[in-house]
Amino acid sequence: HHTRELATWLGTRDEWSEAWNRSSDMSDWTLSLTPERALDLIHEM
């Protein structure tokens, strides 16, 4: 479902305003965490 939502956005982003195109995000990070710190990150997000 997440993949379909992202693919739909990528396929229709030209139908959205410039403001919405600037306000969308597709990011990722690689971190080195312990399981406890990963859980803290999840709760904070």
PDB file of all heavy atoms in Angstrom:
ATOM      1  N   HIS A   1       0.829  -1.200   0.000  1.00  0.00           N
ATOM      2  CA  HIS A   1       0.000   0.000   0.000  1.00  0.00           C
ATOM      3  C   HIS A   1       0.869   1.258   0.000  1.00  0.00           C
ATOM      4  O   HIS A   1       0.604   2.212  -0.742  1.00  0.00           O
ATOM      5  CB  HIS A   1      -0.938  -0.013   1.211  1.00  0.00           C
ATOM      6  CG  HIS A   1      -1.883   1.128   1.259  1.00  0.00           C
ATOM      7  ND1 HIS A   1      -2.942   1.242   0.393  1.00  0.00           N
ATOM      8  CD2 HIS A   1      -1.917   2.223   2.046  1.00  0.00           C
ATOM      9  CE1 HIS A   1      -3.595   2.363   0.653  1.00  0.00           C
ATOM     10  NE2 HIS A   1      -2.990   2.966   1.659  1.00  0.00           N
ATOM     11  N   HIS A   2       1.924   1.257   0.804  1.00  0.00           N
ATOM     12  CA  HIS A   2       2.851   2.390   0.819  1.00  0.00           C
ATOM     13  C   HIS A   2       3.477   2.579  -0.566  1.00  0.00           C
ATOM     14  O   HIS A   2       3.602   3.711  -1.052  1.00  0.00           O
ATOM     15  CB  HIS A   2       3.947   2.177   1.857  1.00  0.00           C
ATOM     16  CG  HIS A   2       3.481   2.369   3.260  1.00  0.00           C
ATOM     17  ND1 HIS A   2       4.327   2.303   4.337  1.00  0.00           N
ATOM     18  CD2 HIS A   2       2.254   2.618   3.783  1.00  0.00           C
ATOM     19  CE1 HIS A   2       3.655   2.509   5.453  1.00  0.00           C
ATOM     20  NE2 HIS A   2       2.388   2.699   5.134  1.00  0.00           N
ATOM     21  N   THR A   3       3.862   1.483  -1.196  1.00  0.00           N
ATOM     22  CA  THR A   3       4.451   1.555  -2.541  1.00  0.00           C
ATOM     23  C   THR A   3       3.462   2.148  -3.536  1.00  0.00           C
ATOM     24  O   THR A   3       3.820   3.011  -4.346  1.00  0.00           O
ATOM     25  CB  THR A   3       4.900   0.155  -2.999  1.00  0.00           C
ATOM     26  OG1 THR A   3       5.872  -0.333  -2.070  1.00  0.00           O
ATOM     27  CG2 THR A   3       5.488   0.185  -4.394  1.00  0.00           C
ATOM     28  N   ARG A   4       2.188   1.711  -3.471  1.00  0.00           N
ATOM     29  CA  ARG A   4       1.163   2.249  -4.380  1.00  0.00           C
ATOM     30  C   ARG A   4       0.940   3.746  -4.158  1.00  0.00           C
ATOM     31  O   ARG A   4       0.810   4.510  -5.109  1.00  0.00           O
ATOM     32  CB  ARG A   4      -0.153   1.486  -4.227  1.00  0.00           C
ATOM     33  CG  ARG A   4      -0.157   0.126  -4.899  1.00  0.00           C
ATOM     34  CD  ARG A   4      -1.550  -0.498  -4.934  1.00  0.00           C
ATOM     35  NE  ARG A   4      -2.172  -0.633  -3.625  1.00  0.00           N
ATOM     36  CZ  ARG A   4      -2.001  -1.668  -2.807  1.00  0.00           C
ATOM     37  NH1 ARG A   4      -1.225  -2.680  -3.166  1.00  0.00           N
ATOM     38  NH2 ARG A   4      -2.610  -1.716  -1.646  1.00  0.00           N
ATOM     39  N   GLU A   5       0.896   4.168  -2.887  1.00  0.00           N
ATOM     40  CA  GLU A   5       0.705   5.595  -2.613  1.00  0.00           C
ATOM     41  C   GLU A   5       1.863   6.424  -3.154  1.00  0.00           C
ATOM     42  O   GLU A   5       1.648   7.479  -3.762  1.00  0.00           O
ATOM     43  CB  GLU A   5       0.545   5.841  -1.105  1.00  0.00           C
ATOM     44  CG  GLU A   5      -0.790   5.415  -0.570  1.00  0.00           C
ATOM     45  CD  GLU A   5      -0.970   5.723   0.892  1.00  0.00           C
ATOM     46  OE1 GLU A   5       0.025   5.844   1.647  1.00  0.00           O
ATOM     47  OE2 GLU A   5      -2.147   5.842   1.285  1.00  0.00           O
ATOM     48  N   LEU A   6       3.076   5.962  -2.958  1.00  0.00           N
ATOM     49  CA  LEU A   6       4.241   6.679  -3.463  1.00  0.00           C
ATOM     50  C   LEU A   6       4.255   6.699  -4.987  1.00  0.00           C
ATOM     51  O   LEU A   6       4.504   7.737  -5.607  1.00  0.00           O
ATOM     52  CB  LEU A   6       5.524   6.042  -2.918  1.00  0.00           C
ATOM     53  CG  LEU A   6       6.825   6.739  -3.262  1.00  0.00           C
ATOM     54  CD1 LEU A   6       6.811   8.198  -2.842  1.00  0.00           C
ATOM     55  CD2 LEU A   6       7.991   6.003  -2.622  1.00  0.00           C
ATOM     56  N   ALA A   7       3.959   5.570  -5.617  1.00  0.00           N
ATOM     57  CA  ALA A   7       3.916   5.507  -7.081  1.00  0.00           C
ATOM     58  C   ALA A   7       2.828   6.421  -7.643  1.00  0.00           C
ATOM     59  O   ALA A   7       3.032   7.079  -8.681  1.00  0.00           O
ATOM     60  CB  ALA A   7       3.694   4.069  -7.548  1.00  0.00           C
ATOM     61  N   THR A   8       1.689   6.494  -6.962  1.00  0.00           N
ATOM     62  CA  THR A   8       0.618   7.392  -7.405  1.00  0.00           C
ATOM     63  C   THR A   8       1.082   8.838  -7.335  1.00  0.00           C
ATOM     64  O   THR A   8       0.854   9.621  -8.263  1.00  0.00           O
ATOM     65  CB  THR A   8      -0.654   7.188  -6.551  1.00  0.00           C
ATOM     66  OG1 THR A   8      -1.109   5.849  -6.741  1.00  0.00           O
ATOM     67  CG2 THR A   8      -1.749   8.167  -6.942  1.00  0.00           C
ATOM     68  N   TRP A   9       1.758   9.215  -6.254  1.00  0.00           N
ATOM     69  CA  TRP A   9       2.280  10.581  -6.142  1.00  0.00           C
ATOM     70  C   TRP A   9       3.272  10.876  -7.281  1.00  0.00           C
ATOM     71  O   TRP A   9       3.181  11.899  -7.939  1.00  0.00           O
ATOM     72  CB  TRP A   9       2.949  10.810  -4.783  1.00  0.00           C
ATOM     73  CG  TRP A   9       3.835  12.023  -4.801  1.00  0.00           C
ATOM     74  CD1 TRP A   9       5.190  12.039  -4.754  1.00  0.00           C
ATOM     75  CD2 TRP A   9       3.418  13.384  -4.924  1.00  0.00           C
ATOM     76  NE1 TRP A   9       5.649  13.327  -4.828  1.00  0.00           N
ATOM     77  CE2 TRP A   9       4.577  14.176  -4.937  1.00  0.00           C
ATOM     78  CE3 TRP A   9       2.185  14.015  -5.041  1.00  0.00           C
ATOM     79  CZ2 TRP A   9       4.545  15.558  -5.043  1.00  0.00           C
ATOM     80  CZ3 TRP A   9       2.143  15.397  -5.152  1.00  0.00           C
ATOM     81  CH2 TRP A   9       3.314  16.153  -5.152  1.00  0.00           C
ATOM     82  N   LEU A  10       4.200   9.956  -7.503  1.00  0.00           N
ATOM     83  CA  LEU A  10       5.201  10.177  -8.547  1.00  0.00           C
ATOM     84  C   LEU A  10       4.550  10.300  -9.924  1.00  0.00           C
ATOM     85  O   LEU A  10       4.996  11.089 -10.759  1.00  0.00           O
ATOM     86  CB  LEU A  10       6.236   9.046  -8.547  1.00  0.00           C
ATOM     87  CG  LEU A  10       7.134   8.988  -7.308  1.00  0.00           C
ATOM     88  CD1 LEU A  10       8.002   7.737  -7.354  1.00  0.00           C
ATOM     89  CD2 LEU A  10       7.960  10.249  -7.164  1.00  0.00           C
ATOM     90  N   GLY A  11       3.490   9.550 -10.155  1.00  0.00           N
ATOM     91  CA  GLY A  11       2.818   9.586 -11.448  1.00  0.00           C
ATOM     92  C   GLY A  11       1.888  10.768 -11.642  1.00  0.00           C
ATOM     93  O   GLY A  11       1.508  11.078 -12.776  1.00  0.00           O
ATOM     94  N   THR A  12       1.515  11.430 -10.550  1.00  0.00           N
ATOM     95  CA  THR A  12       0.544  12.532 -10.668  1.00  0.00           C
ATOM     96  C   THR A  12       1.062  13.855 -10.132  1.00  0.00           C
ATOM     97  O   THR A  12       0.312  14.827 -10.072  1.00  0.00           O
ATOM     98  CB  THR A  12      -0.765  12.189  -9.912  1.00  0.00           C
ATOM     99  OG1 THR A  12      -0.476  12.025  -8.516  1.00  0.00           O
ATOM    100  CG2 THR A  12      -1.416  10.938 -10.475  1.00  0.00           C
ATOM    101  N   ARG A  13       2.339  13.928  -9.764  1.00  0.00           N
ATOM    102  CA  ARG A  13       2.831  15.155  -9.133  1.00  0.00           C
ATOM    103  C   ARG A  13       2.738  16.379 -10.033  1.00  0.00           C
ATOM    104  O   ARG A  13       2.627  17.493  -9.544  1.00  0.00           O
ATOM    105  CB  ARG A  13       4.241  14.966  -8.596  1.00  0.00           C
ATOM    106  CG  ARG A  13       5.301  14.776  -9.632  1.00  0.00           C
ATOM    107  CD  ARG A  13       6.681  14.626  -8.981  1.00  0.00           C
ATOM    108  NE  ARG A  13       7.680  14.451 -10.001  1.00  0.00           N
ATOM    109  CZ  ARG A  13       8.187  13.284 -10.356  1.00  0.00           C
ATOM    110  NH1 ARG A  13       7.801  12.194  -9.740  1.00  0.00           N
ATOM    111  NH2 ARG A  13       9.071  13.212 -11.308  1.00  0.00           N
ATOM    112  N   ASP A  14       2.740  16.185 -11.355  1.00  0.00           N
ATOM    113  CA  ASP A  14       2.600  17.338 -12.255  1.00  0.00           C
ATOM    114  C   ASP A  14       1.186  17.920 -12.232  1.00  0.00           C
ATOM    115  O   ASP A  14       0.957  19.025 -12.721  1.00  0.00           O
ATOM    116  CB  ASP A  14       3.004  16.966 -13.682  1.00  0.00           C
ATOM    117  CG  ASP A  14       2.188  15.833 -14.263  1.00  0.00           C
ATOM    118  OD1 ASP A  14       1.727  14.967 -13.486  1.00  0.00           O
ATOM    119  OD2 ASP A  14       1.999  15.802 -15.493  1.00  0.00           O
ATOM    120  N   GLU A  15       0.229  17.206 -11.624  1.00  0.00           N
ATOM    121  CA  GLU A  15      -1.141  17.700 -11.492  1.00  0.00           C
ATOM    122  C   GLU A  15      -1.308  18.565 -10.239  1.00  0.00           C
ATOM    123  O   GLU A  15      -2.358  19.172 -10.040  1.00  0.00           O
ATOM    124  CB  GLU A  15      -2.126  16.527 -11.424  1.00  0.00           C
ATOM    125  CG  GLU A  15      -2.110  15.659 -12.659  1.00  0.00           C
ATOM    126  CD  GLU A  15      -2.916  14.379 -12.490  1.00  0.00           C
ATOM    127  OE1 GLU A  15      -3.665  14.260 -11.489  1.00  0.00           O
ATOM    128  OE2 GLU A  15      -2.787  13.498 -13.355  1.00  0.00           O
ATOM    129  N   TRP A  16      -0.285  18.622  -9.389  1.00  0.00           N
ATOM    130  CA  TRP A  16      -0.342  19.368  -8.145  1.00  0.00           C
ATOM    131  C   TRP A  16       0.343  20.720  -8.309  1.00  0.00           C
ATOM    132  O   TRP A  16       1.207  20.892  -9.161  1.00  0.00           O
ATOM    133  CB  TRP A  16       0.327  18.574  -7.023  1.00  0.00           C
ATOM    134  CG  TRP A  16      -0.469  17.377  -6.616  1.00  0.00           C
ATOM    135  CD1 TRP A  16      -0.426  16.130  -7.191  1.00  0.00           C
ATOM    136  CD2 TRP A  16      -1.450  17.313  -5.598  1.00  0.00           C
ATOM    137  NE1 TRP A  16      -1.316  15.299  -6.575  1.00  0.00           N
ATOM    138  CE2 TRP A  16      -1.963  15.997  -5.582  1.00  0.00           C
ATOM    139  CE3 TRP A  16      -1.941  18.230  -4.677  1.00  0.00           C
ATOM    140  CZ2 TRP A  16      -2.935  15.587  -4.687  1.00  0.00           C
ATOM    141  CZ3 TRP A  16      -2.912  17.815  -3.783  1.00  0.00           C
ATOM    142  CH2 TRP A  16      -3.396  16.510  -3.805  1.00  0.00           C
ATOM    143  N   SER A  17       0.006  21.639  -7.442  1.00  0.00           N
ATOM    144  CA  SER A  17       0.587  22.983  -7.486  1.00  0.00           C
ATOM    145  C   SER A  17       2.082  22.933  -7.171  1.00  0.00           C
ATOM    146  O   SER A  17       2.576  21.966  -6.581  1.00  0.00           O
ATOM    147  CB  SER A  17      -0.113  23.892  -6.474  1.00  0.00           C
ATOM    148  OG  SER A  17       0.204  23.488  -5.147  1.00  0.00           O
ATOM    149  N   GLU A  18       2.770  23.988  -7.539  1.00  0.00           N
ATOM    150  CA  GLU A  18       4.198  24.099  -7.224  1.00  0.00           C
ATOM    151  C   GLU A  18       4.401  24.079  -5.708  1.00  0.00           C
ATOM    152  O   GLU A  18       5.372  23.504  -5.220  1.00  0.00           O
ATOM    153  CB  GLU A  18       4.783  25.374  -7.824  1.00  0.00           C
ATOM    154  CG  GLU A  18       6.267  25.540  -7.594  1.00  0.00           C
ATOM    155  CD  GLU A  18       7.123  24.390  -8.117  1.00  0.00           C
ATOM    156  OE1 GLU A  18       6.739  23.777  -9.141  1.00  0.00           O
ATOM    157  OE2 GLU A  18       8.159  24.088  -7.502  1.00  0.00           O
ATOM    158  N   ALA A  19       3.485  24.686  -4.973  1.00  0.00           N
ATOM    159  CA  ALA A  19       3.594  24.691  -3.510  1.00  0.00           C
ATOM    160  C   ALA A  19       3.575  23.267  -2.962  1.00  0.00           C
ATOM    161  O   ALA A  19       4.363  22.922  -2.069  1.00  0.00           O
ATOM    162  CB  ALA A  19       2.458  25.513  -2.902  1.00  0.00           C
ATOM    163  N   TRP A  20       2.677  22.408  -3.482  1.00  0.00           N
ATOM    164  CA  TRP A  20       2.628  21.027  -3.011  1.00  0.00           C
ATOM    165  C   TRP A  20       3.830  20.237  -3.497  1.00  0.00           C
ATOM    166  O   TRP A  20       4.336  19.364  -2.779  1.00  0.00           O
ATOM    167  CB  TRP A  20       1.319  20.345  -3.418  1.00  0.00           C
ATOM    168  CG  TRP A  20       0.229  20.655  -2.435  1.00  0.00           C
ATOM    169  CD1 TRP A  20      -0.902  21.356  -2.668  1.00  0.00           C
ATOM    170  CD2 TRP A  20       0.219  20.295  -1.059  1.00  0.00           C
ATOM    171  NE1 TRP A  20      -1.637  21.463  -1.508  1.00  0.00           N
ATOM    172  CE2 TRP A  20      -0.969  20.814  -0.513  1.00  0.00           C
ATOM    173  CE3 TRP A  20       1.078  19.593  -0.235  1.00  0.00           C
ATOM    174  CZ2 TRP A  20      -1.315  20.652   0.829  1.00  0.00           C
ATOM    175  CZ3 TRP A  20       0.735  19.431   1.099  1.00  0.00           C
ATOM    176  CH2 TRP A  20      -0.439  19.952   1.622  1.00  0.00           C
ATOM    177  N   ASN A  21       4.351  20.524  -4.675  1.00  0.00           N
ATOM    178  CA  ASN A  21       5.559  19.839  -5.132  1.00  0.00           C
ATOM    179  C   ASN A  21       6.752  20.201  -4.251  1.00  0.00           C
ATOM    180  O   ASN A  21       7.579  19.345  -3.947  1.00  0.00           O
ATOM    181  CB  ASN A  21       5.840  20.161  -6.604  1.00  0.00           C
ATOM    182  CG  ASN A  21       5.125  19.208  -7.528  1.00  0.00           C
ATOM    183  OD1 ASN A  21       5.611  18.119  -7.786  1.00  0.00           O
ATOM    184  ND2 ASN A  21       3.944  19.602  -8.008  1.00  0.00           N
ATOM    185  N   ARG A  22       6.850  21.459  -3.833  1.00  0.00           N
ATOM    186  CA  ARG A  22       7.934  21.868  -2.917  1.00  0.00           C
ATOM    187  C   ARG A  22       7.742  21.265  -1.536  1.00  0.00           C
ATOM    188  O   ARG A  22       8.704  21.078  -0.802  1.00  0.00           O
ATOM    189  CB  ARG A  22       7.975  23.396  -2.782  1.00  0.00           C
ATOM    190  CG  ARG A  22       8.646  24.116  -3.915  1.00  0.00           C
ATOM    191  CD  ARG A  22       8.902  25.587  -3.573  1.00  0.00           C
ATOM    192  NE  ARG A  22       7.779  26.242  -2.902  1.00  0.00           N
ATOM    193  CZ  ARG A  22       6.774  26.866  -3.519  1.00  0.00           C
ATOM    194  NH1 ARG A  22       6.731  26.923  -4.832  1.00  0.00           N
ATOM    195  NH2 ARG A  22       5.816  27.450  -2.814  1.00  0.00           N
ATOM    196  N   SER A  23       6.498  20.962  -1.160  1.00  0.00           N
ATOM    197  CA  SER A  23       6.184  20.505   0.190  1.00  0.00           C
ATOM    198  C   SER A  23       6.101  18.991   0.315  1.00  0.00           C
ATOM    199  O   SER A  23       5.662  18.485   1.349  1.00  0.00           O
ATOM    200  CB  SER A  23       4.849  21.120   0.640  1.00  0.00           C
ATOM    201  OG  SER A  23       4.953  22.526   0.622  1.00  0.00           O
ATOM    202  N   SER A  24       6.474  18.271  -0.714  1.00  0.00           N
ATOM    203  CA  SER A  24       6.520  16.807  -0.631  1.00  0.00           C
ATOM    204  C   SER A  24       7.949  16.386  -0.322  1.00  0.00           C
ATOM    205  O   SER A  24       8.892  17.152  -0.513  1.00  0.00           O
ATOM    206  CB  SER A  24       6.044  16.177  -1.938  1.00  0.00           C
ATOM    207  OG  SER A  24       6.955  16.464  -2.974  1.00  0.00           O
ATOM    208  N   ASP A  25       8.108  15.171   0.160  1.00  0.00           N
ATOM    209  CA  ASP A  25       9.440  14.722   0.550  1.00  0.00           C
ATOM    210  C   ASP A  25       9.560  13.216   0.362  1.00  0.00           C
ATOM    211  O   ASP A  25       8.608  12.467   0.618  1.00  0.00           O
ATOM    212  CB  ASP A  25       9.687  15.067   2.024  1.00  0.00           C
ATOM    213  CG  ASP A  25      11.045  14.590   2.494  1.00  0.00           C
ATOM    214  OD1 ASP A  25      12.061  15.037   1.936  1.00  0.00           O
ATOM    215  OD2 ASP A  25      11.084  13.758   3.424  1.00  0.00           O
ATOM    216  N   MET A  26      10.701  12.801  -0.116  1.00  0.00           N
ATOM    217  CA  MET A  26      11.036  11.386  -0.199  1.00  0.00           C
ATOM    218  C   MET A  26      12.500  11.283   0.216  1.00  0.00           C
ATOM    219  O   MET A  26      13.394  11.556  -0.581  1.00  0.00           O
ATOM    220  CB  MET A  26      10.806  10.860  -1.626  1.00  0.00           C
ATOM    221  CG  MET A  26      10.885   9.361  -1.719  1.00  0.00           C
ATOM    222  SD  MET A  26      10.273   8.702  -3.296  1.00  0.00           S
ATOM    223  CE  MET A  26      11.530   9.246  -4.435  1.00  0.00           C
ATOM    224  N   SER A  27      12.727  10.960   1.475  1.00  0.00           N
ATOM    225  CA  SER A  27      14.072  10.964   2.043  1.00  0.00           C
ATOM    226  C   SER A  27      14.364   9.635   2.718  1.00  0.00           C
ATOM    227  O   SER A  27      13.447   8.891   3.070  1.00  0.00           O
ATOM    228  CB  SER A  27      14.198  12.069   3.104  1.00  0.00           C
ATOM    229  OG  SER A  27      13.942  13.325   2.558  1.00  0.00           O
ATOM    230  N   ASP A  28      15.634   9.363   2.917  1.00  0.00           N
ATOM    231  CA  ASP A  28      16.030   8.241   3.751  1.00  0.00           C
ATOM    232  C   ASP A  28      17.392   8.521   4.358  1.00  0.00           C
ATOM    233  O   ASP A  28      18.151   9.332   3.853  1.00  0.00           O
ATOM    234  CB  ASP A  28      16.019   6.907   2.981  1.00  0.00           C
ATOM    235  CG  ASP A  28      17.037   6.843   1.862  1.00  0.00           C
ATOM    236  OD1 ASP A  28      18.249   6.852   2.154  1.00  0.00           O
ATOM    237  OD2 ASP A  28      16.616   6.771   0.700  1.00  0.00           O
ATOM    238  N   TRP A  29      17.637   7.876   5.480  1.00  0.00           N
ATOM    239  CA  TRP A  29      18.886   8.014   6.203  1.00  0.00           C
ATOM    240  C   TRP A  29      19.347   6.639   6.640  1.00  0.00           C
ATOM    241  O   TRP A  29      18.531   5.759   6.882  1.00  0.00           O
ATOM    242  CB  TRP A  29      18.702   8.854   7.480  1.00  0.00           C
ATOM    243  CG  TRP A  29      18.319  10.271   7.254  1.00  0.00           C
ATOM    244  CD1 TRP A  29      19.158  11.348   7.165  1.00  0.00           C
ATOM    245  CD2 TRP A  29      17.003  10.802   7.118  1.00  0.00           C
ATOM    246  NE1 TRP A  29      18.438  12.495   6.975  1.00  0.00           N
ATOM    247  CE2 TRP A  29      17.106  12.187   6.940  1.00  0.00           C
ATOM    248  CE3 TRP A  29      15.725  10.235   7.122  1.00  0.00           C
ATOM    249  CZ2 TRP A  29      16.004  13.010   6.778  1.00  0.00           C
ATOM    250  CZ3 TRP A  29      14.635  11.057   6.950  1.00  0.00           C
ATOM    251  CH2 TRP A  29      14.781  12.427   6.780  1.00  0.00           C
ATOM    252  N   THR A  30      20.642   6.462   6.782  1.00  0.00           N
ATOM    253  CA  THR A  30      21.200   5.253   7.384  1.00  0.00           C
ATOM    254  C   THR A  30      21.869   5.680   8.689  1.00  0.00           C
ATOM    255  O   THR A  30      22.749   6.540   8.683  1.00  0.00           O
ATOM    256  CB  THR A  30      22.227   4.587   6.448  1.00  0.00           C
ATOM    257  OG1 THR A  30      21.571   4.253   5.228  1.00  0.00           O
ATOM    258  CG2 THR A  30      22.801   3.331   7.079  1.00  0.00           C
ATOM    259  N   LEU A  31      21.415   5.125   9.783  1.00  0.00           N
ATOM    260  CA  LEU A  31      21.920   5.446  11.114  1.00  0.00           C
ATOM    261  C   LEU A  31      22.480   4.194  11.762  1.00  0.00           C
ATOM    262  O   LEU A  31      22.090   3.083  11.407  1.00  0.00           O
ATOM    263  CB  LEU A  31      20.784   6.002  11.993  1.00  0.00           C
ATOM    264  CG  LEU A  31      19.975   7.169  11.440  1.00  0.00           C
ATOM    265  CD1 LEU A  31      18.789   7.470  12.354  1.00  0.00           C
ATOM    266  CD2 LEU A  31      20.849   8.397  11.269  1.00  0.00           C
ATOM    267  N   SER A  32      23.354   4.364  12.721  1.00  0.00           N
ATOM    268  CA  SER A  32      23.837   3.249  13.542  1.00  0.00           C
ATOM    269  C   SER A  32      23.216   3.411  14.919  1.00  0.00           C
ATOM    270  O   SER A  32      23.556   4.337  15.658  1.00  0.00           O
ATOM    271  CB  SER A  32      25.365   3.271  13.641  1.00  0.00           C
ATOM    272  OG  SER A  32      25.935   3.040  12.374  1.00  0.00           O
ATOM    273  N   LEU A  33      22.271   2.522  15.263  1.00  0.00           N
ATOM    274  CA  LEU A  33      21.523   2.630  16.510  1.00  0.00           C
ATOM    275  C   LEU A  33      21.435   1.290  17.217  1.00  0.00           C
ATOM    276  O   LEU A  33      21.497   0.246  16.574  1.00  0.00           O
ATOM    277  CB  LEU A  33      20.086   3.113  16.223  1.00  0.00           C
ATOM    278  CG  LEU A  33      19.902   4.445  15.512  1.00  0.00           C
ATOM    279  CD1 LEU A  33      18.436   4.678  15.188  1.00  0.00           C
ATOM    280  CD2 LEU A  33      20.446   5.584  16.368  1.00  0.00           C
ATOM    281  N   THR A  34      21.249   1.357  18.509  1.00  0.00           N
ATOM    282  CA  THR A  34      20.900   0.160  19.275  1.00  0.00           C
ATOM    283  C   THR A  34      19.388  -0.041  19.133  1.00  0.00           C
ATOM    284  O   THR A  34      18.671   0.889  18.735  1.00  0.00           O
ATOM    285  CB  THR A  34      21.235   0.342  20.767  1.00  0.00           C
ATOM    286  OG1 THR A  34      20.427   1.411  21.283  1.00  0.00           O
ATOM    287  CG2 THR A  34      22.712   0.641  20.981  1.00  0.00           C
ATOM    288  N   PRO A  35      18.875  -1.223  19.456  1.00  0.00           N
ATOM    289  CA  PRO A  35      17.422  -1.409  19.418  1.00  0.00           C
ATOM    290  C   PRO A  35      16.680  -0.389  20.302  1.00  0.00           C
ATOM    291  O   PRO A  35      15.615   0.101  19.929  1.00  0.00           O
ATOM    292  CB  PRO A  35      17.216  -2.839  19.936  1.00  0.00           C
ATOM    293  CG  PRO A  35      18.495  -3.536  19.641  1.00  0.00           C
ATOM    294  CD  PRO A  35      19.567  -2.485  19.787  1.00  0.00           C
ATOM    295  N   GLU A  36      17.257  -0.056  21.443  1.00  0.00           N
ATOM    296  CA  GLU A  36      16.612   0.901  22.344  1.00  0.00           C
ATOM    297  C   GLU A  36      16.537   2.290  21.713  1.00  0.00           C
ATOM    298  O   GLU A  36      15.517   2.971  21.801  1.00  0.00           O
ATOM    299  CB  GLU A  36      17.362   0.969  23.691  1.00  0.00           C
ATOM    300  CG  GLU A  36      17.295  -0.304  24.506  1.00  0.00           C
ATOM    301  CD  GLU A  36      18.247  -1.407  24.018  1.00  0.00           C
ATOM    302  OE1 GLU A  36      19.221  -1.113  23.272  1.00  0.00           O
ATOM    303  OE2 GLU A  36      17.999  -2.573  24.365  1.00  0.00           O
ATOM    304  N   ARG A  37      17.627   2.727  21.083  1.00  0.00           N
ATOM    305  CA  ARG A  37      17.640   4.051  20.431  1.00  0.00           C
ATOM    306  C   ARG A  37      16.704   4.059  19.215  1.00  0.00           C
ATOM    307  O   ARG A  37      16.054   5.059  18.937  1.00  0.00           O
ATOM    308  CB  ARG A  37      19.062   4.434  20.009  1.00  0.00           C
ATOM    309  CG  ARG A  37      20.015   4.653  21.145  1.00  0.00           C
ATOM    310  CD  ARG A  37      20.080   6.046  21.661  1.00  0.00           C
ATOM    311  NE  ARG A  37      20.586   6.938  20.615  1.00  0.00           N
ATOM    312  CZ  ARG A  37      20.254   8.217  20.523  1.00  0.00           C
ATOM    313  NH1 ARG A  37      19.447   8.749  21.393  1.00  0.00           N
ATOM    314  NH2 ARG A  37      20.735   8.961  19.565  1.00  0.00           N
ATOM    315  N   ALA A  38      16.620   2.936  18.496  1.00  0.00           N
ATOM    316  CA  ALA A  38      15.690   2.854  17.363  1.00  0.00           C
ATOM    317  C   ALA A  38      14.253   3.003  17.858  1.00  0.00           C
ATOM    318  O   ALA A  38      13.444   3.704  17.242  1.00  0.00           O
ATOM    319  CB  ALA A  38      15.871   1.537  16.608  1.00  0.00           C
ATOM    320  N   LEU A  39      13.935   2.367  18.983  1.00  0.00           N
ATOM    321  CA  LEU A  39      12.594   2.485  19.551  1.00  0.00           C
ATOM    322  C   LEU A  39      12.318   3.918  20.002  1.00  0.00           C
ATOM    323  O   LEU A  39      11.217   4.445  19.799  1.00  0.00           O
ATOM    324  CB  LEU A  39      12.428   1.500  20.711  1.00  0.00           C
ATOM    325  CG  LEU A  39      11.022   1.293  21.250  1.00  0.00           C
ATOM    326  CD1 LEU A  39      10.058   0.856  20.141  1.00  0.00           C
ATOM    327  CD2 LEU A  39      11.049   0.263  22.365  1.00  0.00           C
ATOM    328  N   ASP A  40      13.315   4.569  20.597  1.00  0.00           N
ATOM    329  CA  ASP A  40      13.167   5.986  20.965  1.00  0.00           C
ATOM    330  C   ASP A  40      12.863   6.833  19.727  1.00  0.00           C
ATOM    331  O   ASP A  40      11.989   7.706  19.763  1.00  0.00           O
ATOM    332  CB  ASP A  40      14.443   6.521  21.624  1.00  0.00           C
ATOM    333  CG  ASP A  40      14.675   5.976  23.022  1.00  0.00           C
ATOM    334  OD1 ASP A  40      13.725   5.424  23.621  1.00  0.00           O
ATOM    335  OD2 ASP A  40      15.826   6.105  23.508  1.00  0.00           O
ATOM    336  N   LEU A  41      13.576   6.579  18.649  1.00  0.00           N
ATOM    337  CA  LEU A  41      13.361   7.314  17.398  1.00  0.00           C
ATOM    338  C   LEU A  41      11.931   7.121  16.896  1.00  0.00           C
ATOM    339  O   LEU A  41      11.258   8.083  16.518  1.00  0.00           O
ATOM    340  CB  LEU A  41      14.367   6.862  16.333  1.00  0.00           C
ATOM    341  CG  LEU A  41      14.210   7.444  14.932  1.00  0.00           C
ATOM    342  CD1 LEU A  41      14.355   8.961  14.938  1.00  0.00           C
ATOM    343  CD2 LEU A  41      15.213   6.799  13.985  1.00  0.00           C
ATOM    344  N   ILE A  42      11.469   5.875  16.929  1.00  0.00           N
ATOM    345  CA  ILE A  42      10.096   5.581  16.479  1.00  0.00           C
ATOM    346  C   ILE A  42       9.085   6.371  17.314  1.00  0.00           C
ATOM    347  O   ILE A  42       8.189   7.028  16.765  1.00  0.00           O
ATOM    348  CB  ILE A  42       9.816   4.069  16.569  1.00  0.00           C
ATOM    349  CG1 ILE A  42      10.642   3.321  15.517  1.00  0.00           C
ATOM    350  CG2 ILE A  42       8.326   3.778  16.407  1.00  0.00           C
ATOM    351  CD1 ILE A  42      10.683   1.816  15.719  1.00  0.00           C
ATOM    352  N   HIS A  43       9.229   6.328  18.631  1.00  0.00           N
ATOM    353  CA  HIS A  43       8.285   7.038  19.502  1.00  0.00           C
ATOM    354  C   HIS A  43       8.330   8.547  19.254  1.00  0.00           C
ATOM    355  O   HIS A  43       7.278   9.206  19.212  1.00  0.00           O
ATOM    356  CB  HIS A  43       8.549   6.729  20.972  1.00  0.00           C
ATOM    357  CG  HIS A  43       8.208   5.326  21.353  1.00  0.00           C
ATOM    358  ND1 HIS A  43       6.947   4.785  21.195  1.00  0.00           N
ATOM    359  CD2 HIS A  43       8.972   4.340  21.880  1.00  0.00           C
ATOM    360  CE1 HIS A  43       6.945   3.539  21.610  1.00  0.00           C
ATOM    361  NE2 HIS A  43       8.157   3.235  22.029  1.00  0.00           N
ATOM    362  N   GLU A  44       9.521   9.097  19.083  1.00  0.00           N
ATOM    363  CA  GLU A  44       9.638  10.538  18.829  1.00  0.00           C
ATOM    364  C   GLU A  44       9.023  10.921  17.477  1.00  0.00           C
ATOM    365  O   GLU A  44       8.360  11.955  17.369  1.00  0.00           O
ATOM    366  CB  GLU A  44      11.102  10.976  18.906  1.00  0.00           C
ATOM    367  CG  GLU A  44      11.620  10.968  20.332  1.00  0.00           C
ATOM    368  CD  GLU A  44      13.059  11.456  20.437  1.00  0.00           C
ATOM    369  OE1 GLU A  44      13.443  12.358  19.661  1.00  0.00           O
ATOM    370  OE2 GLU A  44      13.783  10.949  21.309  1.00  0.00           O
ATOM    371  N   MET A  45       9.225  10.085  16.453  1.00  0.00           N
ATOM    372  CA  MET A  45       8.605  10.373  15.148  1.00  0.00           C
ATOM    373  C   MET A  45       7.092  10.318  15.262  1.00  0.00           C
ATOM    374  O   MET A  45       6.392  11.189  14.728  1.00  0.00           O
ATOM    375  CB  MET A  45       9.095   9.386  14.084  1.00  0.00           C
ATOM    376  CG  MET A  45      10.514   9.620  13.638  1.00  0.00           C
ATOM    377  SD  MET A  45      10.998   8.623  12.200  1.00  0.00           S
ATOM    378  CE  MET A  45      10.638   6.964  12.717  1.00  0.00           C
TER     379      MET A  45
END
